[in-house]
N, C-alpha and C. Protein backbone atom coordinates (compact mmCIF):
# COMPACT_ATOMS: atom_id res chain seq x y z
N MET A 1 93.49 206.04 120.56
CA MET A 1 95.00 205.20 120.09
C MET A 1 94.57 203.58 118.96
N ALA A 2 95.08 204.33 118.23
CA ALA A 2 94.89 203.02 116.73
C ALA A 2 95.68 201.63 117.02
N THR A 3 94.73 200.72 116.68
CA THR A 3 95.46 199.06 117.25
C THR A 3 95.88 198.51 115.66
N THR A 4 97.18 198.05 115.83
CA THR A 4 98.31 197.80 114.80
C THR A 4 97.53 195.66 114.47
N THR A 5 97.74 195.65 113.56
CA THR A 5 97.41 194.04 113.71
C THR A 5 98.94 193.54 113.07
N VAL A 6 98.72 192.31 113.12
CA VAL A 6 99.66 191.45 112.53
C VAL A 6 99.78 191.37 111.32
N GLU A 7 99.42 191.11 111.05
CA GLU A 7 99.20 191.86 109.29
C GLU A 7 99.30 192.99 109.15
N GLN A 8 98.86 194.02 109.21
CA GLN A 8 99.62 195.52 109.32
C GLN A 8 100.36 194.97 109.28
N ILE A 9 101.86 194.77 110.08
CA ILE A 9 103.17 194.42 110.34
C ILE A 9 103.63 193.96 109.31
N LEU A 10 103.15 192.45 109.17
CA LEU A 10 104.10 191.63 107.61
C LEU A 10 104.27 192.10 106.90
N GLU A 11 102.64 193.38 106.46
CA GLU A 11 102.69 193.72 104.76
C GLU A 11 103.86 194.78 104.70
N GLU A 12 104.06 195.43 106.17
CA GLU A 12 105.61 196.61 106.18
C GLU A 12 106.62 196.19 106.24
N ILE A 13 106.78 194.70 106.75
CA ILE A 13 107.77 194.08 106.50
C ILE A 13 108.21 193.57 105.18
N THR A 14 107.04 193.23 104.29
CA THR A 14 107.28 192.39 103.46
C THR A 14 107.87 193.82 102.30
N ALA A 15 107.86 194.79 102.56
CA ALA A 15 107.79 196.41 101.67
C ALA A 15 108.79 196.50 101.76
N LEU A 16 109.54 196.48 103.11
CA LEU A 16 111.39 196.83 103.13
C LEU A 16 111.93 196.19 102.78
N PRO A 17 113.36 196.67 102.19
CA PRO A 17 114.11 196.39 101.46
C PRO A 17 115.29 195.09 101.93
N ALA A 18 115.63 193.37 101.12
CA ALA A 18 115.81 192.59 101.71
C ALA A 18 116.99 192.50 102.82
N SER A 19 117.56 194.16 102.58
CA SER A 19 119.04 194.27 103.51
C SER A 19 118.30 194.59 105.23
N GLU A 20 116.46 194.47 104.87
CA GLU A 20 116.23 196.05 106.10
C GLU A 20 115.29 194.18 106.90
N GLN A 21 114.81 193.80 105.76
CA GLN A 21 114.15 192.51 106.61
C GLN A 21 115.57 191.53 107.38
N ALA A 22 117.13 191.60 106.72
CA ALA A 22 117.77 190.56 107.54
C ALA A 22 118.21 191.35 108.56
N ARG A 23 118.66 192.40 108.77
CA ARG A 23 118.84 193.16 109.61
C ARG A 23 117.43 193.18 110.87
N LEU A 24 115.94 193.55 110.36
CA LEU A 24 115.32 192.71 110.92
C LEU A 24 114.79 191.17 112.10
N ARG A 25 115.25 190.86 111.17
CA ARG A 25 116.12 189.12 111.54
C ARG A 25 117.05 189.18 112.54
N GLN A 26 118.61 189.74 112.42
CA GLN A 26 119.07 189.60 113.29
C GLN A 26 118.94 190.21 114.54
N LEU A 27 117.89 191.91 114.64
CA LEU A 27 117.94 191.76 115.99
C LEU A 27 116.44 190.86 116.64
N ILE A 28 115.72 190.64 115.63
CA ILE A 28 114.48 189.73 116.63
C ILE A 28 115.11 188.69 117.45
N ASN A 29 116.58 187.27 116.56
CA ASN A 29 116.81 186.91 117.03
C ASN A 29 117.73 187.00 118.58
N LYS A 30 118.32 188.43 118.18
CA LYS A 30 119.24 188.78 119.38
C LYS A 30 118.49 188.76 120.26
N GLN A 31 117.09 189.57 120.04
CA GLN A 31 116.03 189.40 121.39
C GLN A 31 115.69 188.21 122.07
N LEU A 32 115.58 187.26 121.25
CA LEU A 32 114.97 186.26 121.08
C LEU A 32 115.96 185.55 122.58
N ARG A 33 117.39 185.22 121.90
CA ARG A 33 118.27 184.60 122.81
C ARG A 33 118.08 185.22 124.01
N GLN A 34 118.07 186.87 124.38
CA GLN A 34 118.66 187.47 125.78
C GLN A 34 117.12 186.83 126.69
N LYS A 35 115.67 186.47 126.63
CA LYS A 35 114.55 186.42 126.71
C LYS A 35 114.63 184.28 126.51
N GLU A 36 115.22 183.78 126.21
CA GLU A 36 115.83 182.17 126.07
C GLU A 36 116.19 181.67 127.55
N PRO A 37 115.61 181.14 128.45
CA PRO A 37 116.11 180.44 129.32
C PRO A 37 117.15 179.31 128.93
N LEU A 38 118.60 179.33 129.66
CA LEU A 38 119.58 179.13 129.63
C LEU A 38 120.05 177.85 128.66
N GLY A 39 120.25 177.31 127.67
CA GLY A 39 120.62 176.34 127.44
C GLY A 39 119.61 176.14 126.05
N MET A 40 119.06 177.17 125.94
CA MET A 40 118.73 177.41 124.94
C MET A 40 118.69 177.23 123.47
N PHE A 41 120.00 178.08 123.32
CA PHE A 41 121.11 178.35 122.33
C PHE A 41 122.48 177.89 122.84
N VAL A 42 122.97 177.50 122.43
CA VAL A 42 124.62 177.20 122.83
C VAL A 42 125.10 177.15 121.15
N ASP A 43 126.66 177.13 121.93
CA ASP A 43 127.73 177.50 121.16
C ASP A 43 128.29 175.61 121.22
N PRO A 44 128.82 175.87 119.73
CA PRO A 44 128.90 174.40 118.71
C PRO A 44 129.99 174.21 119.65
N ILE A 45 130.02 172.21 119.66
CA ILE A 45 131.03 171.53 120.22
C ILE A 45 132.55 172.08 119.86
N PRO A 46 133.75 172.46 120.45
CA PRO A 46 134.25 172.35 119.37
C PRO A 46 135.31 171.53 118.63
N GLU A 47 135.79 171.15 118.20
CA GLU A 47 136.26 169.48 117.18
C GLU A 47 137.91 169.80 117.84
N PRO A 48 138.23 168.22 118.36
CA PRO A 48 139.08 168.11 118.65
C PRO A 48 140.81 168.25 117.57
N ASP A 49 141.60 168.70 117.89
CA ASP A 49 143.28 168.68 117.04
C ASP A 49 143.50 167.28 117.09
N GLN A 50 143.03 166.77 115.72
CA GLN A 50 143.98 165.16 115.09
C GLN A 50 145.12 164.95 114.96
N GLN A 51 146.00 166.08 114.76
CA GLN A 51 146.84 165.98 114.14
C GLN A 51 148.11 165.12 114.90
N GLY A 52 148.16 164.81 116.82
CA GLY A 52 148.95 164.08 117.02
C GLY A 52 148.27 162.33 117.02
N ALA A 53 146.76 162.88 116.33
CA ALA A 53 145.70 161.16 116.44
C ALA A 53 146.84 160.87 115.02
N MET A 54 147.13 161.66 113.64
CA MET A 54 147.60 161.53 112.49
C MET A 54 148.62 160.83 112.47
N ARG A 55 149.75 161.52 113.53
CA ARG A 55 151.02 161.63 113.47
C ARG A 55 151.57 160.30 113.98
N TRP A 56 150.39 159.73 115.29
CA TRP A 56 150.36 157.91 115.19
C TRP A 56 150.23 157.06 114.72
N ILE A 57 149.24 157.21 113.96
CA ILE A 57 148.78 156.49 112.42
C ILE A 57 149.78 156.52 111.46
N ALA A 58 150.82 157.18 111.26
CA ALA A 58 151.66 157.28 110.64
C ALA A 58 153.27 156.57 110.82
N ASP A 59 152.84 156.96 112.19
CA ASP A 59 154.22 156.14 113.40
C ASP A 59 154.35 154.81 113.64
N HIS A 60 153.10 154.29 113.88
CA HIS A 60 152.84 152.99 114.06
C HIS A 60 151.76 152.47 113.57
N TRP A 61 151.08 152.04 112.52
CA TRP A 61 150.14 151.45 111.50
C TRP A 61 150.54 150.28 111.97
N ARG A 62 151.64 149.58 110.76
CA ARG A 62 152.48 148.77 110.84
C ARG A 62 151.88 147.61 111.88
N GLU A 63 152.17 148.77 113.18
CA GLU A 63 152.00 147.59 114.68
C GLU A 63 150.78 147.44 114.83
N TYR A 64 149.88 147.37 114.14
CA TYR A 64 148.24 147.37 113.97
C TYR A 64 147.20 146.76 112.84
N PRO A 65 147.78 145.69 112.42
CA PRO A 65 147.28 145.83 111.25
C PRO A 65 145.56 144.83 111.46
N ASP A 66 144.90 144.94 110.74
CA ASP A 66 143.42 144.52 110.63
C ASP A 66 142.89 144.74 111.90
N GLN A 67 143.37 145.67 112.77
CA GLN A 67 143.07 146.06 114.21
C GLN A 67 142.05 147.64 113.79
N TRP A 68 140.75 147.59 115.09
CA TRP A 68 140.28 148.66 115.21
C TRP A 68 141.62 149.65 116.04
N ILE A 69 141.66 150.75 116.07
CA ILE A 69 142.38 151.86 117.21
C ILE A 69 141.64 152.38 117.77
N ALA A 70 142.03 153.20 119.22
CA ALA A 70 141.28 154.19 119.80
C ALA A 70 142.11 155.18 120.72
N LEU A 71 142.36 156.36 119.52
CA LEU A 71 143.75 157.39 120.02
C LEU A 71 142.62 158.67 120.82
N ASP A 72 143.27 159.22 121.89
CA ASP A 72 143.20 160.43 122.30
C ASP A 72 144.58 161.61 121.66
N GLY A 73 144.39 161.91 120.99
CA GLY A 73 145.50 162.72 120.35
C GLY A 73 146.75 161.50 120.14
N TYR A 74 148.32 161.73 120.45
CA TYR A 74 148.58 160.60 120.16
C TYR A 74 149.05 159.62 121.12
N ARG A 75 148.07 159.43 122.41
CA ARG A 75 147.88 158.48 123.08
C ARG A 75 147.14 157.73 122.66
N LEU A 76 147.74 155.97 122.41
CA LEU A 76 146.35 154.94 122.88
C LEU A 76 145.95 154.47 123.62
N ILE A 77 144.53 154.39 123.36
CA ILE A 77 143.78 153.96 124.19
C ILE A 77 143.72 152.35 124.17
N ALA A 78 142.83 152.13 123.05
CA ALA A 78 142.23 150.52 123.04
C ALA A 78 143.24 150.29 121.53
N HIS A 79 143.28 149.10 121.48
CA HIS A 79 143.20 148.46 119.83
C HIS A 79 142.60 147.22 120.33
N GLY A 80 142.05 146.81 119.07
CA GLY A 80 141.43 144.89 118.80
C GLY A 80 140.51 144.81 117.50
N GLU A 81 140.72 143.92 117.22
CA GLU A 81 139.66 143.51 116.28
C GLU A 81 138.57 143.77 116.66
N ASP A 82 137.76 144.01 117.93
CA ASP A 82 135.99 144.20 117.96
C ASP A 82 136.21 145.40 117.94
N PHE A 83 135.46 145.98 116.88
CA PHE A 83 135.10 147.46 116.60
C PHE A 83 134.58 148.14 118.27
N ARG A 84 133.41 147.58 118.63
CA ARG A 84 132.25 147.42 119.18
C ARG A 84 133.70 147.82 121.40
N ALA A 85 134.44 146.66 121.57
CA ALA A 85 135.24 146.33 122.59
C ALA A 85 136.16 147.77 122.83
N VAL A 86 136.83 148.06 121.19
CA VAL A 86 137.88 149.49 121.55
C VAL A 86 136.87 150.53 121.29
N ASN A 87 135.39 150.57 121.13
CA ASN A 87 134.83 151.92 120.91
C ASN A 87 134.10 151.82 122.56
N ALA A 88 134.19 151.14 123.19
CA ALA A 88 133.57 150.97 124.44
C ALA A 88 135.04 151.38 125.51
N ALA A 89 135.68 150.73 125.00
CA ALA A 89 136.89 151.37 126.43
C ALA A 89 137.39 152.67 125.83
N ALA A 90 137.47 153.06 124.46
CA ALA A 90 137.14 154.87 124.06
C ALA A 90 136.43 155.73 124.56
N LYS A 91 135.13 154.78 125.49
CA LYS A 91 134.87 155.75 125.90
C LYS A 91 134.07 156.18 127.38
N LYS A 92 134.72 154.80 128.09
CA LYS A 92 135.21 153.95 129.57
C LYS A 92 136.53 155.17 130.28
N ASP A 93 137.25 155.82 128.91
CA ASP A 93 138.54 156.60 129.28
C ASP A 93 138.01 157.82 129.59
N GLY A 94 137.45 157.98 128.88
CA GLY A 94 136.90 159.67 128.97
C GLY A 94 137.29 160.49 128.17
N ALA A 95 137.44 159.78 127.18
CA ALA A 95 139.22 161.36 126.16
C ALA A 95 137.48 162.03 125.31
N TYR A 96 138.37 163.50 125.38
CA TYR A 96 136.97 163.89 124.64
C TYR A 96 136.86 163.72 123.22
N LEU A 97 136.17 163.07 122.66
CA LEU A 97 135.76 162.72 121.08
C LEU A 97 137.07 162.04 120.63
N PRO A 98 138.04 161.12 121.33
CA PRO A 98 139.05 159.73 120.62
C PRO A 98 138.42 159.62 119.35
N MET A 99 139.70 159.63 118.71
CA MET A 99 139.93 158.82 117.14
C MET A 99 139.51 157.98 117.15
N VAL A 100 138.22 156.96 116.78
CA VAL A 100 138.36 155.24 116.33
C VAL A 100 138.10 155.40 114.90
N THR A 101 139.53 154.43 114.55
CA THR A 101 139.15 154.00 113.17
C THR A 101 140.34 152.79 113.10
N PHE A 102 140.24 152.39 111.26
CA PHE A 102 140.72 150.49 111.41
C PHE A 102 141.62 150.79 110.70
N ILE A 103 142.45 150.21 111.25
CA ILE A 103 144.01 149.84 110.53
C ILE A 103 144.68 149.13 109.47
N GLU A 104 144.16 149.27 108.53
CA GLU A 104 144.41 148.17 107.31
C GLU A 104 145.96 147.41 107.31
N ARG A 105 145.79 146.07 106.97
CA ARG A 105 147.02 145.36 106.83
C ARG A 105 148.04 146.14 106.21
N GLU A 106 148.07 146.10 104.91
CA GLU A 106 148.92 146.56 104.28
C GLU A 106 148.08 147.50 103.33
N SER A 107 148.50 148.80 103.20
CA SER A 107 148.13 149.30 102.54
C SER A 107 148.95 150.16 101.44
N ASP A 108 149.30 150.21 100.68
CA ASP A 108 149.88 151.17 99.45
C ASP A 108 149.16 152.48 99.79
N HIS A 109 147.66 152.70 100.03
CA HIS A 109 146.80 153.63 99.73
C HIS A 109 147.14 154.85 101.21
N LEU A 110 147.49 154.42 101.89
CA LEU A 110 148.05 154.96 103.12
C LEU A 110 148.39 155.98 102.47
N PHE A 111 147.77 157.35 103.35
CA PHE A 111 148.17 158.70 103.68
C PHE A 111 147.64 160.12 104.47
N VAL A 112 149.27 159.96 105.11
CA VAL A 112 148.59 161.30 106.38
C VAL A 112 149.69 162.12 106.41
N ASN A 113 149.51 163.35 106.10
CA ASN A 113 149.93 163.97 106.00
C ASN A 113 149.84 165.12 107.47
N VAL A 114 151.15 164.83 107.88
CA VAL A 114 151.30 165.75 109.19
C VAL A 114 152.45 166.67 109.06
């Protein structure tokens, strides 16, 4: 029985066309995912839909000049001049990835596309 070395396998791989090398890489990655313990490969976290928050800002920005606001969609979680306090309230609320942003007093450049 002939013994194949890693070096010989690598030489054969480098001799393959780029498309076959890519296919081999995909097959190896697929095999590794099946053998790795749960949690090694995770799906990306979905980004929340911020359309409700953007609509809220368009409707209410004049009510909170020079303040930080925390929103969960169209729901106001907290507001105030201290970012840390507003951010802490948003975390305590437990909302999934809330929007925390600053509302300027008068803004000629405010643009919310809803």
